[in-house]
Amino acid sequence: MEGFDATARDAWFACSVRRFDIGLESGAHGKALVLDLAPETLRRSLALGATVRVTLYSIANNG
């Protein structure tokens, strides 16, 4: 956002939903995933009026 021009910033703040969605595809096997969000990431999201969502997509079992 720091690099956005005034028109892009206005468009962002005009949105009814401001969300950063981190999409991940699950695996059939393996270890647990740990996803850390740094405090600065959360602070910047808050300053932008945005939520942060993590979406886990399942994979089809092929066999």
Protein backbone atom coordinates (compact mmCIF):
# COMPACT_ATOMS: atom_id res chain seq x y z
CA MET A 1 0.00 0.00 0.00
CA GLU A 2 2.88 2.35 0.65
CA GLY A 3 3.58 2.43 -3.09
CA PHE A 4 -0.03 2.92 -4.19
CA ASP A 5 -1.03 6.18 -5.79
CA ALA A 6 -3.99 8.16 -4.45
CA THR A 7 -6.45 6.49 -6.84
CA ALA A 8 -5.42 2.99 -5.77
CA ARG A 9 -5.54 3.94 -2.07
CA ASP A 10 -9.00 5.43 -2.51
CA ALA A 11 -10.15 2.23 -4.22
CA TRP A 12 -8.78 0.11 -1.35
CA PHE A 13 -10.54 2.16 1.31
CA ALA A 14 -13.77 2.21 -0.72
CA CYS A 15 -13.96 -1.61 -0.55
CA SER A 16 -16.63 -3.01 1.73
CA VAL A 17 -14.35 -5.95 2.59
CA ARG A 18 -10.61 -5.55 2.99
CA ARG A 19 -8.99 -8.93 3.53
CA PHE A 20 -5.67 -10.65 2.97
CA ASP A 21 -6.46 -14.33 2.40
CA ILE A 22 -3.59 -16.78 2.71
CA GLY A 23 -4.65 -19.87 0.75
CA LEU A 24 -2.99 -23.20 1.41
CA GLU A 25 -3.57 -26.62 -0.10
CA SER A 26 -3.60 -29.48 2.38
CA GLY A 27 -1.73 -32.68 1.84
CA ALA A 28 -2.78 -36.26 2.27
CA HIS A 29 0.25 -37.04 4.42
CA GLY A 30 2.92 -35.19 6.24
CA LYS A 31 3.60 -32.96 9.15
CA ALA A 32 1.47 -30.23 10.60
CA LEU A 33 1.87 -26.79 9.11
CA VAL A 34 2.71 -23.91 11.39
CA LEU A 35 2.00 -20.47 9.99
CA ASP A 36 3.41 -17.52 11.90
CA LEU A 37 2.33 -13.97 11.19
CA ALA A 38 4.81 -11.39 12.40
CA PRO A 39 3.54 -8.63 14.70
CA GLU A 40 4.47 -6.05 12.06
CA THR A 41 2.33 -7.87 9.48
CA LEU A 42 -0.64 -7.73 11.84
CA ARG A 43 0.00 -4.07 12.70
CA ARG A 44 0.13 -3.12 9.02
CA SER A 45 -3.05 -5.07 8.28
CA LEU A 46 -4.81 -3.32 11.15
CA ALA A 47 -3.62 0.08 9.93
CA LEU A 48 -5.17 -0.73 6.54
CA GLY A 49 -8.46 -1.78 8.10
CA ALA A 50 -7.95 -5.31 6.82
CA THR A 51 -8.50 -8.76 8.24
CA VAL A 52 -6.15 -11.67 7.71
CA ARG A 53 -7.73 -15.01 6.86
CA VAL A 54 -6.12 -18.40 6.41
CA THR A 55 -8.02 -20.73 4.06
CA LEU A 56 -7.06 -24.40 3.91
CA TYR A 57 -8.14 -26.15 0.73
CA SER A 58 -8.43 -29.93 0.74
CA ILE A 59 -6.91 -32.00 -2.01
CA ALA A 60 -8.71 -34.79 -3.81
CA ASN A 61 -7.62 -38.26 -2.76
CA ASN A 62 -6.53 -39.97 -5.97
CA GLY A 63 -6.17 -43.43 -4.66
